[in-house]
């Protein structure tokens, strides 16, 4: 109980101290993640339910501090990655217990098209953040290893916030971890079975090189350029 109170108090103090005109601080998001996400990316949603006040305070911090024109590219990119992940957690908690994020949203609307995000008075969906902002404005395929859709086949949720000052290092680490995770990808020299992410967003990974050239930048096993390629089925069960 005391730790929950302390976490909430820390988040609220950070909001009060946050200069509105500057880059938003994600320290409180790191505190939430460290407490509720394992090093391997498993999320303890039951414990997170106890920290909803702290999470809502962080989301409010994001809502009233949208990116400004004078922010650097990495400051903006880190903001939107953290926003995507934090609001995804909120969506799960609003519907918990749930076996899969795909169970949310109803028959005619996917969970990624639910307008439940408010930033500076504008309604957003997860799809808008991913496709219209992160993918379109930043053109960085590593983003796919940083944003997490609360599913087992997704990249592991990093248990710290993405930070502009070391964002490139964090994104490279996410790419390396995901590509070499044998539960997500099975990579051999002459044959690879890889995540559907590389199929769904193939153009993002092949804009300036082949898919295998992209993979070889991070893969511990070097892949033959003519290796056979197939895609693994996607496990949408909750990443808990």
C-alpha atoms as a PDB file:
ATOM      1  CA  UNK A   1       0.000   0.000   0.000  1.00  0.00           C
ATOM      2  CA  UNK A   2       2.824   2.417   0.911  1.00  0.00           C
ATOM      3  CA  UNK A   3       4.737   1.669  -2.302  1.00  0.00           C
ATOM      4  CA  UNK A   4       1.572   2.336  -4.335  1.00  0.00           C
ATOM      5  CA  UNK A   5       1.101   5.667  -2.527  1.00  0.00           C
ATOM      6  CA  UNK A   6       4.763   6.577  -3.048  1.00  0.00           C
ATOM      7  CA  UNK A   7       4.605   5.824  -6.787  1.00  0.00           C
ATOM      8  CA  UNK A   8       1.460   7.936  -7.210  1.00  0.00           C
ATOM      9  CA  UNK A   9       2.961  10.787  -5.182  1.00  0.00           C
ATOM     10  CA  UNK A  10       6.129  10.712  -7.290  1.00  0.00           C
ATOM     11  CA  UNK A  11       4.131  10.943 -10.515  1.00  0.00           C
ATOM     12  CA  UNK A  12       2.039  13.836  -9.212  1.00  0.00           C
ATOM     13  CA  UNK A  13       5.144  15.724  -8.048  1.00  0.00           C
ATOM     14  CA  UNK A  14       6.703  15.286 -11.479  1.00  0.00           C
ATOM     15  CA  UNK A  15       3.599  16.714 -13.131  1.00  0.00           C
ATOM     16  CA  UNK A  16       3.675  19.786 -10.873  1.00  0.00           C
ATOM     17  CA  UNK A  17       7.383  20.268 -11.557  1.00  0.00           C
ATOM     18  CA  UNK A  18       7.085  19.728 -15.324  1.00  0.00           C
ATOM     19  CA  UNK A  19       7.833  22.884 -17.311  1.00  0.00           C
ATOM     20  CA  UNK A  20       5.054  23.088 -19.889  1.00  0.00           C
ATOM     21  CA  UNK A  21       7.257  24.499 -22.665  1.00  0.00           C
ATOM     22  CA  UNK A  22       9.997  21.872 -22.455  1.00  0.00           C
ATOM     23  CA  UNK A  23      10.291  18.242 -23.396  1.00  0.00           C
ATOM     24  CA  UNK A  24       8.017  16.122 -21.211  1.00  0.00           C
ATOM     25  CA  UNK A  25       9.687  13.935 -18.579  1.00  0.00           C
ATOM     26  CA  UNK A  26       9.069  10.181 -18.788  1.00  0.00           C
ATOM     27  CA  UNK A  27      10.628   9.382 -15.412  1.00  0.00           C
ATOM     28  CA  UNK A  28       7.264   8.495 -13.896  1.00  0.00           C
ATOM     29  CA  UNK A  29       6.562   6.058 -16.758  1.00  0.00           C
ATOM     30  CA  UNK A  30       9.877   4.336 -16.022  1.00  0.00           C
ATOM     31  CA  UNK A  31       8.846   3.992 -12.364  1.00  0.00           C
ATOM     32  CA  UNK A  32       5.568   2.325 -13.380  1.00  0.00           C
ATOM     33  CA  UNK A  33       7.306  -0.024 -15.825  1.00  0.00           C
ATOM     34  CA  UNK A  34      10.081  -1.013 -13.423  1.00  0.00           C
ATOM     35  CA  UNK A  35       7.468  -1.967 -10.843  1.00  0.00           C
ATOM     36  CA  UNK A  36       5.121  -3.923 -13.122  1.00  0.00           C
ATOM     37  CA  UNK A  37       7.075  -5.281 -16.114  1.00  0.00           C
ATOM     38  CA  UNK A  38       9.660  -8.039 -15.871  1.00  0.00           C
ATOM     39  CA  UNK A  39      13.044  -7.893 -17.584  1.00  0.00           C
ATOM     40  CA  UNK A  40      11.662 -10.349 -20.152  1.00  0.00           C
ATOM     41  CA  UNK A  41       8.718  -8.077 -20.963  1.00  0.00           C
ATOM     42  CA  UNK A  42       5.914  -9.873 -19.114  1.00  0.00           C
ATOM     43  CA  UNK A  43       3.357  -7.408 -17.790  1.00  0.00           C
ATOM     44  CA  UNK A  44       1.691  -7.830 -14.398  1.00  0.00           C
ATOM     45  CA  UNK A  45      -1.680  -6.324 -15.240  1.00  0.00           C
ATOM     46  CA  UNK A  46      -3.181  -7.282 -11.880  1.00  0.00           C
ATOM     47  CA  UNK A  47      -0.560  -5.189 -10.094  1.00  0.00           C
ATOM     48  CA  UNK A  48      -0.924  -2.427 -12.651  1.00  0.00           C
ATOM     49  CA  UNK A  49      -4.589  -2.167 -11.732  1.00  0.00           C
ATOM     50  CA  UNK A  50      -3.399  -1.013  -8.307  1.00  0.00           C
ATOM     51  CA  UNK A  51      -1.278   1.673  -9.971  1.00  0.00           C
ATOM     52  CA  UNK A  52      -3.959   3.106 -12.241  1.00  0.00           C
ATOM     53  CA  UNK A  53      -3.809   6.460 -10.456  1.00  0.00           C
ATOM     54  CA  UNK A  54      -0.099   6.752 -11.238  1.00  0.00           C
ATOM     55  CA  UNK A  55      -0.671   5.637 -14.833  1.00  0.00           C
ATOM     56  CA  UNK A  56      -3.532   8.094 -15.310  1.00  0.00           C
ATOM     57  CA  UNK A  57      -1.343  10.868 -13.917  1.00  0.00           C
ATOM     58  CA  UNK A  58       1.375  10.060 -16.461  1.00  0.00           C
ATOM     59  CA  UNK A  59      -1.157   9.949 -19.293  1.00  0.00           C
ATOM     60  CA  UNK A  60      -2.481  13.323 -18.167  1.00  0.00           C
ATOM     61  CA  UNK A  61       1.102  14.608 -18.257  1.00  0.00           C
ATOM     62  CA  UNK A  62       1.309  13.469 -21.887  1.00  0.00           C
ATOM     63  CA  UNK A  63      -2.113  14.891 -22.692  1.00  0.00           C
ATOM     64  CA  UNK A  64      -1.230  18.430 -21.607  1.00  0.00           C
ATOM     65  CA  UNK A  65       2.324  18.366 -23.006  1.00  0.00           C
ATOM     66  CA  UNK A  66       2.120  17.462 -26.712  1.00  0.00           C
ATOM     67  CA  UNK A  67       5.326  17.705 -28.764  1.00  0.00           C
ATOM     68  CA  UNK A  68       6.371  21.229 -29.690  1.00  0.00           C
ATOM     69  CA  UNK A  69       8.054  22.459 -32.866  1.00  0.00           C
ATOM     70  CA  UNK A  70      11.248  23.186 -30.939  1.00  0.00           C
ATOM     71  CA  UNK A  71      11.577  19.581 -29.715  1.00  0.00           C
ATOM     72  CA  UNK A  72      14.250  17.474 -31.355  1.00  0.00           C
ATOM     73  CA  UNK A  73      13.276  14.555 -33.573  1.00  0.00           C
ATOM     74  CA  UNK A  74      14.286  12.089 -30.843  1.00  0.00           C
ATOM     75  CA  UNK A  75      12.265  13.970 -28.217  1.00  0.00           C
ATOM     76  CA  UNK A  76       9.183  13.743 -30.409  1.00  0.00           C
ATOM     77  CA  UNK A  77       9.808  10.126 -31.335  1.00  0.00           C
ATOM     78  CA  UNK A  78      10.323   9.068 -27.706  1.00  0.00           C
ATOM     79  CA  UNK A  79       7.135  10.905 -26.709  1.00  0.00           C
ATOM     80  CA  UNK A  80       4.977   9.075 -29.257  1.00  0.00           C
ATOM     81  CA  UNK A  81       6.513   5.644 -28.576  1.00  0.00           C
ATOM     82  CA  UNK A  82       5.925   6.047 -24.846  1.00  0.00           C
ATOM     83  CA  UNK A  83       2.423   7.372 -25.497  1.00  0.00           C
ATOM     84  CA  UNK A  84       1.560   4.379 -27.674  1.00  0.00           C
ATOM     85  CA  UNK A  85       2.739   1.894 -25.051  1.00  0.00           C
ATOM     86  CA  UNK A  86       1.213   3.680 -22.062  1.00  0.00           C
ATOM     87  CA  UNK A  87      -2.178   4.150 -23.712  1.00  0.00           C
ATOM     88  CA  UNK A  88      -2.145   0.494 -24.815  1.00  0.00           C
ATOM     89  CA  UNK A  89      -1.694  -0.470 -21.164  1.00  0.00           C
ATOM     90  CA  UNK A  90      -4.608   1.808 -20.264  1.00  0.00           C
ATOM     91  CA  UNK A  91      -6.815   0.124 -22.891  1.00  0.00           C
ATOM     92  CA  UNK A  92      -6.011  -3.317 -21.479  1.00  0.00           C
ATOM     93  CA  UNK A  93      -6.677  -2.203 -17.905  1.00  0.00           C
ATOM     94  CA  UNK A  94     -10.035  -0.690 -18.924  1.00  0.00           C
ATOM     95  CA  UNK A  95     -11.085  -4.146 -20.138  1.00  0.00           C
ATOM     96  CA  UNK A  96      -9.129  -6.444 -17.807  1.00  0.00           C
ATOM     97  CA  UNK A  97      -9.350  -9.376 -17.406  1.00  0.00           C
ATOM     98  CA  UNK A  98      -9.101 -10.043 -21.138  1.00  0.00           C
ATOM     99  CA  UNK A  99      -7.316 -12.842 -22.965  1.00  0.00           C
ATOM    100  CA  UNK A 100      -6.309 -10.788 -25.993  1.00  0.00           C
ATOM    101  CA  UNK A 101      -6.293  -7.174 -27.071  1.00  0.00           C
ATOM    102  CA  UNK A 102      -8.212  -8.337 -30.151  1.00  0.00           C
ATOM    103  CA  UNK A 103     -11.205  -9.041 -27.895  1.00  0.00           C
ATOM    104  CA  UNK A 104     -11.542  -5.286 -27.325  1.00  0.00           C
ATOM    105  CA  UNK A 105     -13.332  -2.881 -29.604  1.00  0.00           C
ATOM    106  CA  UNK A 106     -16.426  -4.717 -30.732  1.00  0.00           C
ATOM    107  CA  UNK A 107     -17.518  -6.400 -33.952  1.00  0.00           C
ATOM    108  CA  UNK A 108     -17.238  -3.341 -36.213  1.00  0.00           C
ATOM    109  CA  UNK A 109     -14.207  -1.606 -34.671  1.00  0.00           C
ATOM    110  CA  UNK A 110     -10.760  -2.968 -33.845  1.00  0.00           C
ATOM    111  CA  UNK A 111      -9.072  -1.996 -30.554  1.00  0.00           C
ATOM    112  CA  UNK A 112      -6.599   0.063 -32.592  1.00  0.00           C
ATOM    113  CA  UNK A 113      -9.427   2.229 -33.946  1.00  0.00           C
ATOM    114  CA  UNK A 114     -11.002   3.121 -30.587  1.00  0.00           C
ATOM    115  CA  UNK A 115     -10.790   6.882 -29.965  1.00  0.00           C
ATOM    116  CA  UNK A 116      -9.908   6.783 -26.275  1.00  0.00           C
ATOM    117  CA  UNK A 117      -6.719   8.866 -26.372  1.00  0.00           C
ATOM    118  CA  UNK A 118      -6.853  12.595 -25.691  1.00  0.00           C
ATOM    119  CA  UNK A 119      -3.791  14.730 -26.367  1.00  0.00           C
ATOM    120  CA  UNK A 120      -4.127  18.490 -26.158  1.00  0.00           C
ATOM    121  CA  UNK A 121      -7.868  18.226 -26.758  1.00  0.00           C
ATOM    122  CA  UNK A 122      -7.556  16.053 -29.862  1.00  0.00           C
ATOM    123  CA  UNK A 123      -8.839  12.478 -29.983  1.00  0.00           C
ATOM    124  CA  UNK A 124      -6.401   9.838 -31.226  1.00  0.00           C
ATOM    125  CA  UNK A 125      -6.450   6.104 -31.834  1.00  0.00           C
ATOM    126  CA  UNK A 126      -3.535   3.717 -31.481  1.00  0.00           C
ATOM    127  CA  UNK A 127      -3.622   3.238 -35.243  1.00  0.00           C
ATOM    128  CA  UNK A 128      -3.276   6.971 -35.794  1.00  0.00           C
ATOM    129  CA  UNK A 129      -0.240   7.179 -33.504  1.00  0.00           C
ATOM    130  CA  UNK A 130       1.411   4.179 -35.156  1.00  0.00           C
ATOM    131  CA  UNK A 131       0.654   4.746 -38.834  1.00  0.00           C
ATOM    132  CA  UNK A 132       0.082   8.485 -39.234  1.00  0.00           C
ATOM    133  CA  UNK A 133       2.699   9.723 -36.761  1.00  0.00           C
ATOM    134  CA  UNK A 134       5.380   7.188 -35.901  1.00  0.00           C
ATOM    135  CA  UNK A 135       5.668   5.425 -39.260  1.00  0.00           C
ATOM    136  CA  UNK A 136       4.908   8.366 -41.526  1.00  0.00           C
ATOM    137  CA  UNK A 137       6.750  11.183 -39.776  1.00  0.00           C
ATOM    138  CA  UNK A 138       9.861   9.393 -38.519  1.00  0.00           C
ATOM    139  CA  UNK A 139      10.536   6.703 -41.128  1.00  0.00           C
ATOM    140  CA  UNK A 140      12.433   4.484 -38.660  1.00  0.00           C
ATOM    141  CA  UNK A 141      11.703   0.723 -38.922  1.00  0.00           C
ATOM    142  CA  UNK A 142      13.118   0.159 -35.431  1.00  0.00           C
ATOM    143  CA  UNK A 143       9.911   1.688 -34.108  1.00  0.00           C
ATOM    144  CA  UNK A 144       8.261  -1.686 -34.755  1.00  0.00           C
ATOM    145  CA  UNK A 145      10.418  -3.221 -32.006  1.00  0.00           C
ATOM    146  CA  UNK A 146       9.571  -0.485 -29.510  1.00  0.00           C
ATOM    147  CA  UNK A 147       5.789  -0.205 -29.689  1.00  0.00           C
ATOM    148  CA  UNK A 148       3.982  -3.106 -28.083  1.00  0.00           C
ATOM    149  CA  UNK A 149       0.423  -4.291 -28.761  1.00  0.00           C
ATOM    150  CA  UNK A 150       0.112  -6.268 -25.493  1.00  0.00           C
ATOM    151  CA  UNK A 151       0.520  -9.637 -27.223  1.00  0.00           C
ATOM    152  CA  UNK A 152       2.989 -12.497 -26.842  1.00  0.00           C
ATOM    153  CA  UNK A 153       4.290 -12.279 -30.393  1.00  0.00           C
ATOM    154  CA  UNK A 154       4.918  -8.552 -30.047  1.00  0.00           C
ATOM    155  CA  UNK A 155       8.352  -7.288 -29.085  1.00  0.00           C
ATOM    156  CA  UNK A 156       8.892  -7.369 -25.338  1.00  0.00           C
ATOM    157  CA  UNK A 157       7.725  -4.261 -23.527  1.00  0.00           C
ATOM    158  CA  UNK A 158      10.867  -2.498 -22.335  1.00  0.00           C
ATOM    159  CA  UNK A 159      10.714  -1.960 -18.585  1.00  0.00           C
ATOM    160  CA  UNK A 160      11.899   1.617 -18.837  1.00  0.00           C
ATOM    161  CA  UNK A 161      10.707   4.620 -20.796  1.00  0.00           C
ATOM    162  CA  UNK A 162      12.278   5.536 -24.103  1.00  0.00           C
ATOM    163  CA  UNK A 163      14.467   8.584 -23.583  1.00  0.00           C
ATOM    164  CA  UNK A 164      15.548  11.054 -26.261  1.00  0.00           C
ATOM    165  CA  UNK A 165      19.113  11.282 -24.982  1.00  0.00           C
ATOM    166  CA  UNK A 166      19.784   7.596 -25.684  1.00  0.00           C
ATOM    167  CA  UNK A 167      16.937   6.686 -28.000  1.00  0.00           C
ATOM    168  CA  UNK A 168      19.083   5.317 -30.832  1.00  0.00           C
ATOM    169  CA  UNK A 169      20.831   2.951 -28.414  1.00  0.00           C
ATOM    170  CA  UNK A 170      17.510   1.818 -26.966  1.00  0.00           C
ATOM    171  CA  UNK A 171      16.007   1.208 -30.406  1.00  0.00           C
ATOM    172  CA  UNK A 172      19.053  -0.768 -31.539  1.00  0.00           C
ATOM    173  CA  UNK A 173      18.791  -2.850 -28.360  1.00  0.00           C
ATOM    174  CA  UNK A 174      15.113  -3.499 -29.033  1.00  0.00           C
ATOM    175  CA  UNK A 175      15.852  -4.569 -32.612  1.00  0.00           C
ATOM    176  CA  UNK A 176      18.663  -6.883 -31.526  1.00  0.00           C
ATOM    177  CA  UNK A 177      16.614  -8.431 -28.722  1.00  0.00           C
ATOM    178  CA  UNK A 178      13.549  -9.029 -30.892  1.00  0.00           C
ATOM    179  CA  UNK A 179      15.318 -10.419 -33.951  1.00  0.00           C
ATOM    180  CA  UNK A 180      17.421 -12.826 -31.876  1.00  0.00           C
ATOM    181  CA  UNK A 181      14.545 -13.963 -29.645  1.00  0.00           C
ATOM    182  CA  UNK A 182      13.908 -17.581 -30.675  1.00  0.00           C
ATOM    183  CA  UNK A 183      10.304 -17.326 -29.476  1.00  0.00           C
ATOM    184  CA  UNK A 184       9.708 -14.555 -32.039  1.00  0.00           C
ATOM    185  CA  UNK A 185      12.047 -15.505 -34.894  1.00  0.00           C
ATOM    186  CA  UNK A 186      13.902 -18.667 -35.928  1.00  0.00           C
ATOM    187  CA  UNK A 187      17.002 -17.675 -37.830  1.00  0.00           C
ATOM    188  CA  UNK A 188      19.461 -20.007 -39.529  1.00  0.00           C
ATOM    189  CA  UNK A 189      21.997 -19.319 -42.238  1.00  0.00           C
ATOM    190  CA  UNK A 190      19.949 -20.717 -45.135  1.00  0.00           C
ATOM    191  CA  UNK A 191      16.428 -20.616 -43.718  1.00  0.00           C
ATOM    192  CA  UNK A 192      14.513 -18.132 -41.627  1.00  0.00           C
ATOM    193  CA  UNK A 193      11.061 -18.250 -40.044  1.00  0.00           C
ATOM    194  CA  UNK A 194      10.332 -14.743 -38.928  1.00  0.00           C
ATOM    195  CA  UNK A 195       7.652 -12.626 -37.326  1.00  0.00           C
ATOM    196  CA  UNK A 196       4.631 -11.522 -39.328  1.00  0.00           C
ATOM    197  CA  UNK A 197       5.715  -7.988 -38.458  1.00  0.00           C
ATOM    198  CA  UNK A 198       8.296  -8.307 -41.240  1.00  0.00           C
ATOM    199  CA  UNK A 199       5.518  -9.307 -43.629  1.00  0.00           C
ATOM    200  CA  UNK A 200       2.908  -6.737 -42.585  1.00  0.00           C
ATOM    201  CA  UNK A 201       5.393  -3.867 -42.737  1.00  0.00           C
ATOM    202  CA  UNK A 202       7.837  -5.190 -45.302  1.00  0.00           C
ATOM    203  CA  UNK A 203       8.126  -1.859 -47.101  1.00  0.00           C
ATOM    204  CA  UNK A 204       9.342  -0.222 -43.881  1.00  0.00           C
ATOM    205  CA  UNK A 205      12.257  -2.646 -43.657  1.00  0.00           C
ATOM    206  CA  UNK A 206      13.176  -2.711 -47.342  1.00  0.00           C
ATOM    207  CA  UNK A 207      13.123   0.975 -48.271  1.00  0.00           C
ATOM    208  CA  UNK A 208      16.920   1.137 -48.638  1.00  0.00           C
ATOM    209  CA  UNK A 209      17.981  -2.508 -48.485  1.00  0.00           C
ATOM    210  CA  UNK A 210      16.659  -6.058 -48.726  1.00  0.00           C
ATOM    211  CA  UNK A 211      14.872  -7.615 -45.772  1.00  0.00           C
ATOM    212  CA  UNK A 212      17.777 -10.005 -45.170  1.00  0.00           C
ATOM    213  CA  UNK A 213      20.233  -7.112 -45.249  1.00  0.00           C
ATOM    214  CA  UNK A 214      18.142  -5.395 -42.583  1.00  0.00           C
ATOM    215  CA  UNK A 215      17.995  -8.541 -40.449  1.00  0.00           C
ATOM    216  CA  UNK A 216      21.738  -9.125 -40.765  1.00  0.00           C
ATOM    217  CA  UNK A 217      22.398  -5.743 -39.199  1.00  0.00           C
ATOM    218  CA  UNK A 218      21.080  -7.141 -35.897  1.00  0.00           C
ATOM    219  CA  UNK A 219      21.060 -10.933 -36.223  1.00  0.00           C
ATOM    220  CA  UNK A 220      23.723 -12.912 -34.361  1.00  0.00           C
ATOM    221  CA  UNK A 221      23.438 -15.579 -37.055  1.00  0.00           C
ATOM    222  CA  UNK A 222      24.415 -14.183 -40.438  1.00  0.00           C
ATOM    223  CA  UNK A 223      21.805 -15.025 -43.050  1.00  0.00           C
ATOM    224  CA  UNK A 224      22.558 -16.078 -46.602  1.00  0.00           C
ATOM    225  CA  UNK A 225      21.114 -13.477 -49.037  1.00  0.00           C
ATOM    226  CA  UNK A 226      19.317 -16.322 -50.798  1.00  0.00           C
ATOM    227  CA  UNK A 227      17.967 -17.950 -47.639  1.00  0.00           C
ATOM    228  CA  UNK A 228      14.374 -19.172 -47.758  1.00  0.00           C
ATOM    229  CA  UNK A 229      11.925 -16.945 -45.908  1.00  0.00           C
ATOM    230  CA  UNK A 230       8.657 -17.900 -44.210  1.00  0.00           C
ATOM    231  CA  UNK A 231       6.543 -16.227 -41.560  1.00  0.00           C
ATOM    232  CA  UNK A 232       5.444 -17.545 -38.164  1.00  0.00           C
ATOM    233  CA  UNK A 233       1.844 -17.407 -36.979  1.00  0.00           C
ATOM    234  CA  UNK A 234       1.149 -14.528 -34.587  1.00  0.00           C
ATOM    235  CA  UNK A 235       0.195 -15.221 -30.977  1.00  0.00           C
ATOM    236  CA  UNK A 236      -2.279 -12.538 -29.900  1.00  0.00           C
ATOM    237  CA  UNK A 237      -2.678 -13.821 -26.340  1.00  0.00           C
ATOM    238  CA  UNK A 238      -1.990 -11.254 -23.626  1.00  0.00           C
ATOM    239  CA  UNK A 239       1.659 -10.633 -22.735  1.00  0.00           C
ATOM    240  CA  UNK A 240       1.263 -11.356 -19.032  1.00  0.00           C
END
